[in-house]
Amino acid sequence: MTIKLYNTLTRKKEAFNPIEPGKVKMYVCGPTVYNYIHIGNARPAIVFDTVRRYLEYRGYEVNYVLNFTDVDDKLIRVANENGEAVVELAERYIRAYKEDVRALGVKEASIHPRVTESMAEIISLIATLVEKGYAYESEGDVYFKTRAFEGYGKLSHQSIDDLRSGARIQVGEKKEDPLDFALWKQAKQGEISWSSPWGDGRPGWHIECSAMAKKYLGETIDIHAGGQDLAFPHHENEIAQSEACTGKTFANYWIHNGYITIDNEKMSKSTGNFVLAHDLIEKYPPELLRFFILSVHYRNPINFSEALLEQTQGGFDRIKNVYQNLSHRAEASLNIVADTEVYVEKLQQIEARFSEAMDDDFNTANAIAVLFDLTKEANLYLTQKQTNQQTLHAFQQVFATFFEVLGLKLQGAEELLDAEIDALIKERDQARLDRNFARADEIRDQLKDNAIILEDTAQGTRWKRG
């Protein structure tokens, strides 16, 4: 079986062949950490975590890099409004991001590079582009010469002349051509900045990912992923500056997830039409949110509403209930019915269909349809008066495999007593005072796994059962 994925670069499904057999170098554009993530940001986190999980299920060793943009115009503006340092603001929302996506079943990346920790690599890459004639300095700023790169527009499938007609030079920009984009920005009074050959400043957005991908994965990577909104100009610019620097293909496969609308309207922070993942996790089981996101193929748009989420609950509960029923029956069953061989064959066919769905461009919607078929088959088996423990365990094993690939945690932990919850909250409060944020996050996750919802207030931490 061969995995096929839709490559945005070629606009067709292609067989996946990594550079190094058995290993995958995968870079995912992460968040700009100036606020909590919204449901649109949560989608790529869930989708590409599932891609990673399936690649690992197929036996690949995945080096999964997801960056944090921890300095840019938004961070500087919000930090100024809050009266805090940019690094403090970024650290707070990096912790919030990790907490939210961990609740959504997202595995920790192999590495989370940060822009502020990659400045030497960024400056070196810009210097190489200047030296090769692909970039130029202009009064402390450095710009990429877009027209100097012959393949510009190949990812978004736009001609440079069409792009030129809509391009403008904004107030304060000192570039030679409207299509040129900033690699380095001269520092403004009072802004966070770094020293460079062109004066104090900070990097442009696009150069950051090129530098971090090159640093941690090399000059050519297997998969570059992100939201559809990043394809142009961000990923287009990444290709231009990376390939201009190295003379090599930057990424062999580009995959992008589709948009999320809210009640059939485009998400927009300016109009208030967005939903924070943090708020949804407080209100709904996070595994339900993940299940909802994966119930639609990653390239298709999703219309999100709480009504649709609640409609999804019924099907999700059927899967959970049958799994729990298998567990309960297995505890009481004996190996007295010789039916295992028949059901093992059925289960192998179901597993093959699940893999077939995921091999076809990571089609989680079809994979979940197979999961429902497994649920139906398990329910039919459970209607029998006599069941075989081996067969029940075989069903459980297939469920466990599907859960692992889809990142679903459906086994409920034993319910905590009120006194145990209070003790954990007290320990968490002390850990936060001691700045032991890793332990504080661990406790919060433990409580979330037990459906305990925390609310941090000025009067202390309140809790309730979800």
Protein backbone atom coordinates (compact mmCIF):
# COMPACT_ATOMS: atom_id res chain seq x y z
CA MET A 1 0.00 0.00 0.00
CA THR A 2 1.28 3.45 -0.94
CA ILE A 3 0.37 6.67 0.79
CA LYS A 4 -0.86 9.29 -1.66
CA LEU A 5 -1.18 12.94 -0.71
CA TYR A 6 -2.43 16.02 -2.50
CA ASN A 7 0.54 18.27 -3.27
CA THR A 8 -0.47 21.94 -3.50
CA LEU A 9 2.62 22.55 -5.64
CA THR A 10 1.51 20.20 -8.43
CA ARG A 11 -2.23 20.28 -7.67
CA LYS A 12 -2.54 16.51 -7.83
CA LYS A 13 -2.26 13.45 -5.62
CA GLU A 14 1.19 11.96 -5.59
CA ALA A 15 2.75 8.83 -4.11
CA PHE A 16 4.68 9.73 -0.97
CA ASN A 17 8.38 8.92 -1.26
CA PRO A 18 10.51 10.46 1.49
CA ILE A 19 14.06 11.62 0.86
CA GLU A 20 15.45 9.04 3.27
CA PRO A 21 13.65 5.66 3.40
CA GLY A 22 11.78 5.17 6.66
CA LYS A 23 12.21 8.77 7.82
CA VAL A 24 10.11 11.90 7.33
CA LYS A 25 11.20 15.51 7.75
CA MET A 26 8.03 17.53 8.36
CA TYR A 27 7.70 21.26 9.08
CA VAL A 28 4.40 22.83 10.19
CA CYS A 29 3.90 26.58 10.46
CA GLY A 30 2.89 27.25 14.06
CA PRO A 31 1.08 30.15 15.74
CA THR A 32 2.01 33.75 16.36
CA VAL A 33 1.76 33.70 20.13
CA TYR A 34 0.03 36.93 21.13
CA ASN A 35 -3.34 35.47 22.18
CA TYR A 36 -5.18 32.20 22.71
CA ILE A 37 -5.66 30.19 19.50
CA HIS A 38 -9.07 30.11 17.84
CA ILE A 39 -10.77 27.08 16.34
CA GLY A 40 -9.22 27.88 12.94
CA ASN A 41 -5.73 27.63 14.48
CA ALA A 42 -6.69 24.39 16.22
CA ARG A 43 -7.57 22.70 12.92
CA PRO A 44 -4.01 22.48 11.50
CA ALA A 45 -2.70 21.44 14.92
CA ILE A 46 -5.15 18.49 14.92
CA VAL A 47 -4.91 17.68 11.20
CA PHE A 48 -1.14 17.56 10.91
CA ASP A 49 -0.80 15.75 14.23
CA THR A 50 -3.03 13.08 12.69
CA VAL A 51 -0.87 13.00 9.55
CA ARG A 52 2.16 12.51 11.77
CA ARG A 53 0.42 9.78 13.77
CA TYR A 54 -0.54 7.89 10.63
CA LEU A 55 2.97 8.13 9.19
CA GLU A 56 4.27 6.71 12.47
CA TYR A 57 1.62 3.97 12.36
CA ARG A 58 2.96 3.08 8.89
CA GLY A 59 6.42 2.71 10.39
CA TYR A 60 8.04 6.05 9.58
CA GLU A 61 10.25 7.92 12.02
CA VAL A 62 8.89 11.48 11.86
CA ASN A 63 10.98 14.51 12.76
CA TYR A 64 8.08 16.91 13.38
CA VAL A 65 9.00 20.59 13.69
CA LEU A 66 6.39 23.21 14.61
CA ASN A 67 7.60 26.76 15.22
CA PHE A 68 6.45 29.60 17.43
CA THR A 69 6.56 33.15 16.06
CA ASP A 70 7.40 34.91 19.31
CA VAL A 71 8.18 38.38 17.96
CA ASP A 72 6.28 40.42 15.37
CA ASP A 73 4.09 43.54 15.04
CA LYS A 74 1.11 41.96 16.85
CA LEU A 75 3.20 40.82 19.81
CA ILE A 76 4.83 44.23 20.13
CA ARG A 77 1.46 46.01 19.98
CA VAL A 78 -0.24 43.74 22.55
CA ALA A 79 2.79 43.79 24.86
CA ASN A 80 2.77 47.60 24.78
CA GLU A 81 -0.96 47.67 25.49
CA ASN A 82 -0.45 45.31 28.45
CA GLY A 83 2.65 47.06 29.73
CA GLU A 84 4.70 43.86 29.62
CA ALA A 85 7.77 42.59 27.78
CA VAL A 86 7.33 40.83 24.45
CA VAL A 87 9.17 37.75 25.75
CA GLU A 88 6.82 37.49 28.74
CA LEU A 89 3.72 37.79 26.55
CA ALA A 90 5.06 35.14 24.17
CA GLU A 91 5.97 32.75 26.98
CA ARG A 92 2.49 33.03 28.48
CA TYR A 93 0.73 32.21 25.20
CA ILE A 94 3.17 29.46 24.26
CA ARG A 95 2.16 27.76 27.50
CA ALA A 96 -1.51 28.39 26.69
CA TYR A 97 -1.08 26.94 23.18
CA LYS A 98 0.62 23.81 24.48
CA GLU A 99 -2.09 23.37 27.11
CA ASP A 100 -4.92 23.74 24.59
CA VAL A 101 -3.50 21.43 21.91
CA ARG A 102 -2.44 18.85 24.50
CA ALA A 103 -6.07 18.72 25.63
CA LEU A 104 -7.02 18.20 21.97
CA GLY A 105 -4.80 15.12 21.79
CA VAL A 106 -1.91 16.74 19.92
CA LYS A 107 1.47 15.14 20.58
CA GLU A 108 4.44 17.31 21.49
CA ALA A 109 6.51 18.26 18.43
CA SER A 110 10.01 16.86 18.05
CA ILE A 111 11.10 20.46 18.52
CA HIS A 112 9.37 23.83 18.85
CA PRO A 113 11.86 26.39 17.50
CA ARG A 114 11.30 30.03 18.32
CA VAL A 115 12.20 33.05 16.21
CA THR A 116 14.00 34.72 19.11
CA GLU A 117 16.23 31.65 19.49
CA SER A 118 17.03 31.45 15.76
CA MET A 119 18.34 34.94 15.11
CA ALA A 120 21.88 33.88 14.08
CA GLU A 121 20.48 31.51 11.42
CA ILE A 122 18.02 34.13 10.16
CA ILE A 123 20.73 36.80 9.80
CA SER A 124 23.06 34.31 8.08
CA LEU A 125 20.37 33.34 5.56
CA ILE A 126 19.62 37.00 4.77
CA ALA A 127 23.34 37.73 4.35
CA THR A 128 23.62 34.86 1.83
CA LEU A 129 20.69 36.24 -0.17
CA VAL A 130 22.27 39.71 -0.24
CA GLU A 131 25.60 38.23 -1.31
CA LYS A 132 23.94 36.25 -4.13
CA GLY A 133 22.07 39.31 -5.40
CA TYR A 134 18.60 38.14 -4.36
CA ALA A 135 18.22 40.79 -1.66
CA TYR A 136 19.21 44.39 -1.02
CA GLU A 137 19.54 46.78 1.91
CA SER A 138 17.53 49.99 1.92
CA GLU A 139 18.00 52.44 4.81
CA GLY A 140 18.26 49.71 7.44
CA ASP A 141 15.62 47.42 5.91
CA VAL A 142 16.46 44.40 3.74
CA TYR A 143 14.14 43.27 0.93
CA PHE A 144 13.98 40.17 -1.25
CA LYS A 145 14.11 40.83 -5.01
CA THR A 146 11.06 38.87 -6.02
CA ARG A 147 11.62 39.23 -9.76
CA ALA A 148 15.14 37.83 -9.39
CA PHE A 149 13.71 34.43 -8.46
CA GLU A 150 12.55 32.78 -11.66
CA GLY A 151 10.02 30.36 -10.12
CA TYR A 152 8.05 32.88 -8.07
CA GLY A 153 4.32 32.04 -8.08
CA LYS A 154 4.71 28.29 -8.65
CA LEU A 155 3.00 27.26 -5.39
CA SER A 156 0.01 29.59 -5.72
CA HIS A 157 -0.04 29.12 -9.53
CA GLN A 158 0.01 32.83 -10.24
CA SER A 159 2.09 34.66 -12.82
CA ILE A 160 4.37 37.41 -11.59
CA ASP A 161 2.66 39.89 -13.95
CA ASP A 162 -0.74 39.18 -12.40
CA LEU A 163 0.76 39.63 -8.94
CA ARG A 164 2.41 42.87 -10.01
CA SER A 165 -0.92 44.47 -10.96
CA GLY A 166 -2.25 44.19 -7.41
CA ALA A 167 0.93 45.03 -5.51
CA ARG A 168 1.46 48.36 -3.74
CA ILE A 169 4.26 49.99 -1.78
CA GLN A 170 2.93 50.86 1.67
CA VAL A 171 3.77 54.01 3.62
CA GLY A 172 7.17 53.61 5.28
CA GLU A 173 8.39 50.89 2.93
CA LYS A 174 11.62 51.59 1.06
CA LYS A 175 11.62 48.82 -1.52
CA GLU A 176 12.48 49.02 -5.19
CA ASP A 177 9.53 46.97 -6.49
CA PRO A 178 6.02 46.56 -5.02
CA LEU A 179 6.45 42.75 -5.17
CA ASP A 180 9.58 42.77 -3.01
CA PHE A 181 9.08 41.65 0.60
CA ALA A 182 10.89 42.41 3.85
CA LEU A 183 13.57 40.09 5.19
CA TRP A 184 14.81 42.48 7.90
CA LYS A 185 13.03 45.48 9.46
CA GLN A 186 14.86 48.41 10.96
CA ALA A 187 14.06 48.82 14.65
CA LYS A 188 11.69 51.58 15.71
CA GLN A 189 12.25 53.57 18.87
CA GLY A 190 11.71 51.40 21.96
CA GLU A 191 11.05 48.16 20.02
CA ILE A 192 12.73 44.86 20.81
CA SER A 193 15.62 44.42 18.37
CA TRP A 194 18.78 42.51 17.49
CA SER A 195 22.09 43.63 16.00
CA SER A 196 22.76 42.80 12.35
CA PRO A 197 25.06 43.89 9.48
CA TRP A 198 22.25 46.28 8.43
CA GLY A 199 21.72 47.82 11.85
CA ASP A 200 19.46 46.98 14.78
CA GLY A 201 16.16 45.43 13.82
CA ARG A 202 14.15 42.22 13.64
CA PRO A 203 13.30 39.72 10.93
CA GLY A 204 10.39 39.78 8.53
CA TRP A 205 7.83 37.03 8.97
CA HIS A 206 8.62 34.89 5.93
CA ILE A 207 12.37 34.49 6.45
CA GLU A 208 11.87 33.02 9.93
CA CYS A 209 10.38 29.69 8.80
CA SER A 210 12.98 29.25 6.06
CA ALA A 211 15.77 29.66 8.59
CA MET A 212 14.20 27.38 11.21
CA ALA A 213 13.32 24.64 8.71
CA LYS A 214 16.88 24.70 7.34
CA LYS A 215 18.38 24.66 10.84
CA TYR A 216 16.43 21.65 12.12
CA LEU A 217 15.56 19.67 8.98
CA GLY A 218 18.14 20.59 6.34
CA GLU A 219 18.07 22.28 2.94
CA THR A 220 15.36 20.02 1.47
CA ILE A 221 12.48 18.64 3.53
CA ASP A 222 9.80 16.07 2.79
CA ILE A 223 6.58 17.79 3.90
CA HIS A 224 5.77 21.43 4.58
CA ALA A 225 2.29 21.99 6.00
CA GLY A 226 0.02 24.77 7.17
CA GLY A 227 -3.34 26.43 6.75
CA GLN A 228 -4.65 27.30 3.28
CA ASP A 229 -4.33 30.99 4.12
CA LEU A 230 -0.53 30.57 4.34
CA ALA A 231 -0.03 29.26 0.80
CA PHE A 232 0.27 32.83 -0.48
CA PRO A 233 2.23 34.87 0.24
CA HIS A 234 3.92 33.15 3.21
CA HIS A 235 4.77 29.77 1.72
CA GLU A 236 5.37 31.24 -1.72
CA ASN A 237 7.94 33.57 -0.18
CA GLU A 238 9.50 30.74 1.81
CA ILE A 239 10.10 28.81 -1.41
CA ALA A 240 11.64 31.82 -3.13
CA GLN A 241 14.09 32.77 -0.38
CA SER A 242 15.01 29.16 0.55
CA GLU A 243 15.64 27.99 -3.00
CA ALA A 244 17.44 31.22 -3.90
CA CYS A 245 19.73 30.63 -0.93
CA THR A 246 20.52 26.93 -1.46
CA GLY A 247 19.80 26.31 -5.13
CA LYS A 248 17.86 23.22 -4.04
CA THR A 249 14.18 22.25 -3.79
CA PHE A 250 12.89 23.50 -0.44
CA ALA A 251 10.05 21.00 0.14
CA ASN A 252 8.91 18.05 -1.96
CA TYR A 253 5.30 18.03 -0.74
CA TRP A 254 3.11 20.94 0.34
CA ILE A 255 -0.14 20.18 2.17
CA HIS A 256 -2.70 22.75 3.31
CA ASN A 257 -5.87 22.40 5.37
CA GLY A 258 -9.09 24.20 4.43
CA TYR A 259 -10.78 27.12 6.14
CA ILE A 260 -13.25 27.09 9.01
CA THR A 261 -16.29 29.34 8.89
CA ILE A 262 -18.45 30.23 11.89
CA ASP A 263 -22.18 29.81 11.24
CA ASN A 264 -21.43 30.03 7.49
CA GLU A 265 -19.50 33.30 7.81
CA LYS A 266 -15.76 33.79 7.46
CA MET A 267 -13.92 33.99 10.75
CA SER A 268 -12.72 37.51 11.53
CA LYS A 269 -11.32 38.94 14.72
CA SER A 270 -12.19 42.45 13.56
CA THR A 271 -15.91 41.56 13.48
CA GLY A 272 -15.77 39.30 16.53
CA ASN A 273 -16.78 36.27 14.45
CA PHE A 274 -14.39 33.73 15.96
CA VAL A 275 -14.34 31.14 18.73
CA LEU A 276 -11.35 30.48 20.97
CA ALA A 277 -10.33 26.84 21.28
CA HIS A 278 -9.62 27.58 24.96
CA ASP A 279 -13.29 28.46 25.56
CA LEU A 280 -14.60 25.43 23.68
CA ILE A 281 -12.34 23.10 25.67
CA GLU A 282 -13.83 24.50 28.86
CA LYS A 283 -17.35 23.80 27.59
CA TYR A 284 -17.06 20.53 25.64
CA PRO A 285 -14.97 17.35 25.91
CA PRO A 286 -11.81 18.17 23.92
CA GLU A 287 -11.85 14.75 22.26
CA LEU A 288 -15.28 15.64 20.83
CA LEU A 289 -13.78 18.78 19.25
CA ARG A 290 -11.02 16.69 17.72
CA PHE A 291 -13.54 14.13 16.44
CA PHE A 292 -15.61 16.94 14.89
CA ILE A 293 -12.58 18.41 13.10
CA LEU A 294 -11.50 15.02 11.74
CA SER A 295 -14.99 14.13 10.54
CA VAL A 296 -14.34 16.38 7.51
CA HIS A 297 -11.51 15.80 5.03
CA TYR A 298 -8.70 18.20 5.89
CA ARG A 299 -8.74 20.00 2.51
CA ASN A 300 -12.47 20.72 2.67
CA PRO A 301 -13.93 23.74 4.47
CA ILE A 302 -15.68 23.24 7.81
CA ASN A 303 -18.69 25.22 8.92
CA PHE A 304 -18.47 25.35 12.69
CA SER A 305 -21.39 25.93 15.02
CA GLU A 306 -22.10 24.67 18.50
CA ALA A 307 -25.31 23.12 17.18
CA LEU A 308 -23.33 21.02 14.68
CA LEU A 309 -20.83 20.11 17.39
CA GLU A 310 -23.65 18.90 19.63
CA GLN A 311 -25.13 16.88 16.76
CA THR A 312 -21.77 15.12 16.44
CA GLN A 313 -21.99 14.11 20.10
CA GLY A 314 -24.48 11.28 19.43
CA GLY A 315 -22.27 9.39 17.00
CA PHE A 316 -19.22 9.99 19.14
CA ASP A 317 -21.03 8.61 22.20
CA ARG A 318 -21.99 5.44 20.28
CA ILE A 319 -18.32 4.73 19.66
CA LYS A 320 -17.38 5.40 23.27
CA ASN A 321 -20.23 3.30 24.62
CA VAL A 322 -19.46 0.23 22.54
CA TYR A 323 -15.81 0.40 23.52
CA GLN A 324 -16.76 0.55 27.20
CA ASN A 325 -19.20 -2.33 26.72
CA LEU A 326 -16.43 -4.41 25.15
CA SER A 327 -14.27 -3.73 28.20
CA HIS A 328 -17.02 -4.67 30.67
CA ARG A 329 -17.94 -7.86 28.78
CA ALA A 330 -14.26 -8.91 28.49
CA GLU A 331 -13.92 -8.86 32.27
CA ALA A 332 -16.76 -11.37 32.64
CA SER A 333 -16.19 -13.55 29.55
CA LEU A 334 -14.29 -16.80 29.25
CA ASN A 335 -12.62 -18.43 26.26
CA ILE A 336 -15.49 -20.85 25.74
CA VAL A 337 -16.77 -19.89 22.31
CA ALA A 338 -14.59 -20.76 19.31
CA ASP A 339 -15.38 -17.74 17.11
CA THR A 340 -12.11 -15.81 17.21
CA GLU A 341 -10.79 -16.93 13.84
CA VAL A 342 -13.93 -15.75 12.02
CA TYR A 343 -13.87 -12.33 13.66
CA VAL A 344 -10.12 -11.87 13.28
CA GLU A 345 -10.61 -12.11 9.53
CA LYS A 346 -13.44 -9.56 9.66
CA LEU A 347 -11.34 -7.22 11.78
CA GLN A 348 -8.40 -7.52 9.39
CA GLN A 349 -10.68 -6.44 6.55
CA ILE A 350 -11.87 -3.46 8.60
CA GLU A 351 -8.28 -2.48 9.41
CA ALA A 352 -7.39 -2.72 5.71
CA ARG A 353 -10.26 -0.38 4.83
CA PHE A 354 -9.14 2.08 7.52
CA SER A 355 -5.60 2.11 6.09
CA GLU A 356 -6.99 2.45 2.56
CA ALA A 357 -8.89 5.57 3.65
CA MET A 358 -5.86 7.11 5.35
CA ASP A 359 -3.57 6.18 2.46
CA ASP A 360 -5.84 8.24 0.21
CA ASP A 361 -4.62 11.73 1.20
CA PHE A 362 -5.21 11.13 4.92
CA ASN A 363 -8.97 10.92 4.48
CA THR A 364 -10.06 10.95 8.12
CA ALA A 365 -13.71 11.38 7.14
CA ASN A 366 -13.69 7.98 5.43
CA ALA A 367 -11.56 6.52 8.22
CA ILE A 368 -14.19 7.58 10.75
CA ALA A 369 -16.85 5.93 8.56
CA VAL A 370 -14.84 2.70 8.94
CA LEU A 371 -14.71 3.32 12.70
CA PHE A 372 -18.53 3.45 12.72
CA ASP A 373 -18.61 0.16 10.80
CA LEU A 374 -16.34 -1.33 13.45
CA THR A 375 -18.73 -0.01 16.11
CA LYS A 376 -21.69 -1.62 14.35
CA GLU A 377 -19.86 -4.96 14.07
CA ALA A 378 -18.89 -4.84 17.75
CA ASN A 379 -22.47 -4.06 18.78
CA LEU A 380 -23.73 -7.06 16.81
CA TYR A 381 -21.19 -9.28 18.52
CA LEU A 382 -22.20 -7.99 21.94
CA THR A 383 -25.83 -9.02 21.32
CA GLN A 384 -24.76 -12.66 21.48
CA LYS A 385 -25.48 -14.47 24.72
CA GLN A 386 -22.04 -16.01 24.83
CA THR A 387 -18.90 -14.09 23.85
CA ASN A 388 -15.27 -15.08 23.72
CA GLN A 389 -12.71 -13.10 25.71
CA GLN A 390 -10.13 -13.45 22.92
CA THR A 391 -12.56 -12.04 20.36
CA LEU A 392 -13.51 -9.17 22.64
CA HIS A 393 -9.83 -8.34 23.09
CA ALA A 394 -9.35 -8.48 19.31
CA PHE A 395 -12.13 -5.89 18.89
CA GLN A 396 -10.56 -3.75 21.62
CA GLN A 397 -7.17 -3.88 19.92
CA VAL A 398 -8.59 -2.59 16.62
CA PHE A 399 -10.43 0.21 18.41
CA ALA A 400 -7.20 1.08 20.23
CA THR A 401 -5.30 1.25 16.94
CA PHE A 402 -7.88 3.54 15.36
CA PHE A 403 -7.99 5.73 18.47
CA GLU A 404 -4.20 6.09 18.46
CA VAL A 405 -4.04 7.07 14.77
CA LEU A 406 -6.89 9.57 15.13
CA GLY A 407 -5.55 10.86 18.45
CA LEU A 408 -8.75 10.09 20.33
CA LYS A 409 -8.67 9.32 24.02
CA LEU A 410 -11.91 7.55 24.85
CA GLN A 411 -11.03 5.61 27.97
CA GLY A 412 -12.38 7.44 31.02
CA ALA A 413 -10.19 7.71 34.10
CA GLU A 414 -11.60 6.77 37.48
CA GLU A 415 -13.51 9.65 39.03
CA LEU A 416 -11.53 11.75 41.49
CA LEU A 417 -12.93 12.54 44.92
CA ASP A 418 -13.53 16.20 45.86
CA ALA A 419 -10.70 16.09 48.42
CA GLU A 420 -8.28 14.76 45.78
CA ILE A 421 -9.28 17.56 43.39
CA ASP A 422 -8.77 20.21 46.08
CA ALA A 423 -5.33 18.76 46.90
CA LEU A 424 -4.29 18.79 43.25
CA ILE A 425 -5.47 22.39 42.82
CA LYS A 426 -3.49 23.41 45.90
CA GLU A 427 -0.40 21.71 44.50
CA ARG A 428 -0.95 23.43 41.14
CA ASP A 429 -1.25 26.85 42.80
CA GLN A 430 2.04 26.26 44.60
CA ALA A 431 3.72 25.08 41.41
CA ARG A 432 2.69 28.29 39.67
CA LEU A 433 4.05 30.37 42.54
CA ASP A 434 7.32 28.43 42.24
CA ARG A 435 7.24 29.06 38.43
CA ASN A 436 7.20 25.30 37.92
CA PHE A 437 4.86 25.66 34.97
CA ALA A 438 5.51 22.16 33.63
CA ARG A 439 4.09 20.62 36.82
CA ALA A 440 1.20 23.12 36.89
CA ASP A 441 0.29 22.19 33.30
CA GLU A 442 0.58 18.49 34.11
CA ILE A 443 -1.91 18.83 36.98
CA ARG A 444 -4.33 20.83 34.86
CA ASP A 445 -4.18 18.12 32.17
CA GLN A 446 -4.78 15.41 34.78
CA LEU A 447 -7.86 17.24 35.97
CA LYS A 448 -9.10 17.77 32.39
CA ASP A 449 -8.73 14.04 31.75
CA ASN A 450 -11.10 13.55 34.67
CA ALA A 451 -13.59 16.10 33.25
CA ILE A 452 -12.70 18.71 35.87
CA ILE A 453 -12.99 22.27 34.56
CA LEU A 454 -10.82 24.92 36.22
CA GLU A 455 -11.49 28.65 36.34
CA ASP A 456 -8.68 30.92 37.57
CA THR A 457 -10.15 34.01 39.25
CA ALA A 458 -8.82 36.85 41.37
CA GLN A 459 -10.29 35.04 44.40
CA GLY A 460 -8.51 31.78 43.58
CA THR A 461 -9.10 28.70 41.44
CA ARG A 462 -12.64 27.39 41.13
CA TRP A 463 -13.59 24.01 39.72
CA LYS A 464 -16.57 22.07 38.50
CA ARG A 465 -17.22 18.70 36.96
CA GLY A 466 -17.71 18.82 33.20
